[in-house]
C-alpha cells in the first residue's frame, strides 16, 4: 500500500509560480511511476504529467514548457514546479502512483493523494 501526501498549493497571481510536493510512504518509491492529475470545478479529472522510474517525463500540451517535474527516490518525493501560471490552471491537483496501462486515464493509477487546491487569480 502506498500513501501519498501533497503540499505546496495555494493562491497565486497569474504569471506566478508554485511548487507542489508529494511525499510517498510504503514500498520502495523508486519502483513507481508517479504523476499528477487535476480537476477544475465542474470539469472531468485531467491528466497533467507522468514521470517514470529513471526520470523521463511526459506532460499534457496545456502545461508543457511551464510545468517541470523532479523526483528524489531517496526522499520518496516528487515535485511539480509550476511556472507562468494561468487562471485555467486553477484546480485541485492530485499526486498519483503506479500506472498500469494508458497513463492519461485516471483508472490506470493505483494510488491517489487527497488532493490540494491551486488557485490562480488576481
Protein backbone atom coordinates (compact mmCIF):
# COMPACT_ATOMS: atom_id res chain seq x y z
CA UNK A 1 0.00 0.00 0.00
CA UNK A 2 1.29 3.44 -0.96
CA UNK A 3 0.21 6.57 0.90
CA UNK A 4 0.63 9.91 -0.89
CA UNK A 5 0.53 13.37 0.71
CA UNK A 6 0.58 16.58 -1.33
CA UNK A 7 1.62 20.02 -0.13
CA UNK A 8 2.52 23.41 -1.56
CA UNK A 9 -0.76 24.56 -3.04
CA UNK A 10 -2.38 27.92 -2.52
CA UNK A 11 -3.36 31.18 -4.17
CA UNK A 12 -1.08 32.80 -6.73
CA UNK A 13 -1.48 35.63 -9.23
CA UNK A 14 -1.44 34.95 -12.97
CA UNK A 15 2.14 34.63 -14.17
CA UNK A 16 3.32 33.43 -10.79
CA UNK A 17 4.80 30.14 -9.67
CA UNK A 18 4.08 27.38 -7.20
CA UNK A 19 5.83 24.14 -6.36
CA UNK A 20 3.79 21.16 -5.33
CA UNK A 21 5.35 18.34 -3.34
CA UNK A 22 4.21 14.76 -3.00
CA UNK A 23 5.69 12.50 -0.35
CA UNK A 24 5.08 8.77 -0.61
CA UNK A 25 5.22 6.13 2.08
CA UNK A 26 5.15 2.39 1.60
CA UNK A 27 7.13 0.13 -0.73
CA UNK A 28 10.31 1.44 -2.41
CA UNK A 29 9.50 4.70 -4.17
CA UNK A 30 11.95 4.03 -6.97
CA UNK A 31 9.73 1.21 -8.26
CA UNK A 32 6.82 3.51 -9.13
CA UNK A 33 5.74 5.67 -11.96
CA UNK A 34 4.46 8.91 -10.47
CA UNK A 35 2.21 11.54 -11.88
CA UNK A 36 -0.24 14.37 -11.37
CA UNK A 37 -3.85 14.90 -12.30
CA UNK A 38 -6.02 17.94 -11.75
CA UNK A 39 -9.72 18.63 -11.57
CA UNK A 40 -11.28 22.04 -12.04
CA UNK A 41 -14.79 22.82 -10.80
CA UNK A 42 -17.46 21.14 -12.92
CA UNK A 43 -14.85 19.51 -15.16
CA UNK A 44 -13.55 15.99 -15.51
CA UNK A 45 -10.32 14.93 -13.93
CA UNK A 46 -7.46 15.75 -16.29
CA UNK A 47 -4.06 14.12 -16.62
CA UNK A 48 -1.19 16.59 -16.17
CA UNK A 49 2.03 14.64 -16.29
CA UNK A 50 3.88 11.38 -15.65
CA UNK A 51 7.42 10.62 -14.55
CA UNK A 52 8.84 7.16 -14.96
CA UNK A 53 11.48 5.49 -12.85
CA UNK A 54 14.75 6.80 -14.27
CA UNK A 55 13.42 10.33 -14.62
CA UNK A 56 11.85 10.55 -18.08
CA UNK A 57 8.62 12.54 -18.15
CA UNK A 58 5.69 13.47 -20.32
CA UNK A 59 3.28 16.38 -19.99
CA UNK A 60 -0.10 17.32 -21.33
CA UNK A 61 0.12 20.01 -24.00
CA UNK A 62 -1.60 22.57 -21.77
CA UNK A 63 1.32 22.64 -19.32
CA UNK A 64 4.31 21.58 -21.41
CA UNK A 65 7.04 24.20 -21.15
CA UNK A 66 5.56 25.71 -17.99
CA UNK A 67 5.50 22.77 -15.59
CA UNK A 68 8.54 20.68 -14.67
CA UNK A 69 8.68 17.54 -12.59
CA UNK A 70 11.54 16.26 -10.49
CA UNK A 71 11.83 13.30 -8.18
CA UNK A 72 14.18 12.18 -5.46
CA UNK A 73 13.78 8.49 -4.87
CA UNK A 74 15.90 8.59 -1.73
CA UNK A 75 13.45 11.08 -0.21
CA UNK A 76 10.34 9.37 -1.62
CA UNK A 77 9.34 12.74 -3.02
CA UNK A 78 8.23 14.15 -6.34
CA UNK A 79 7.90 17.86 -7.03
CA UNK A 80 5.89 19.70 -9.64
CA UNK A 81 7.28 23.15 -10.41
CA UNK A 82 4.55 25.25 -11.99
CA UNK A 83 5.59 28.49 -13.68
CA UNK A 84 3.74 31.11 -15.72
CA UNK A 85 0.52 30.04 -14.08
CA UNK A 86 -2.77 30.89 -15.72
CA UNK A 87 -6.31 31.15 -14.33
CA UNK A 88 -7.17 27.99 -16.25
CA UNK A 89 -4.62 26.11 -14.14
CA UNK A 90 -6.94 26.56 -11.15
CA UNK A 91 -7.87 23.10 -9.91
CA UNK A 92 -7.41 20.50 -7.23
CA UNK A 93 -4.14 18.73 -8.01
CA UNK A 94 -3.73 15.05 -7.21
CA UNK A 95 -0.49 13.13 -6.88
CA UNK A 96 -0.75 9.59 -8.23
CA UNK A 97 1.42 6.49 -8.24
CA UNK A 98 1.75 3.26 -10.17
CA UNK A 99 0.23 3.38 -13.62
CA UNK A 100 -0.70 0.15 -15.39
CA UNK A 101 -1.77 0.89 -18.94
CA UNK A 102 -2.85 4.13 -20.58
CA UNK A 103 -1.49 6.68 -18.15
CA UNK A 104 -3.74 9.56 -19.18
CA UNK A 105 -6.75 7.71 -17.77
CA UNK A 106 -7.49 8.08 -14.05
CA UNK A 107 -8.46 4.41 -13.74
CA UNK A 108 -4.94 3.40 -14.72
CA UNK A 109 -3.46 4.71 -11.50
CA UNK A 110 -3.46 2.57 -8.36
CA UNK A 111 -2.79 5.18 -5.67
CA UNK A 112 -4.05 8.73 -5.16
CA UNK A 113 -3.28 11.53 -2.75
CA UNK A 114 -6.06 13.50 -1.10
CA UNK A 115 -5.61 16.46 -3.45
CA UNK A 116 -4.51 20.04 -2.93
CA UNK A 117 -6.05 23.27 -4.16
CA UNK A 118 -4.23 25.57 -6.57
CA UNK A 119 -5.94 28.85 -7.34
CA UNK A 120 -4.62 31.30 -9.92
CA UNK A 121 -6.36 34.62 -9.62
CA UNK A 122 -5.66 38.32 -9.38
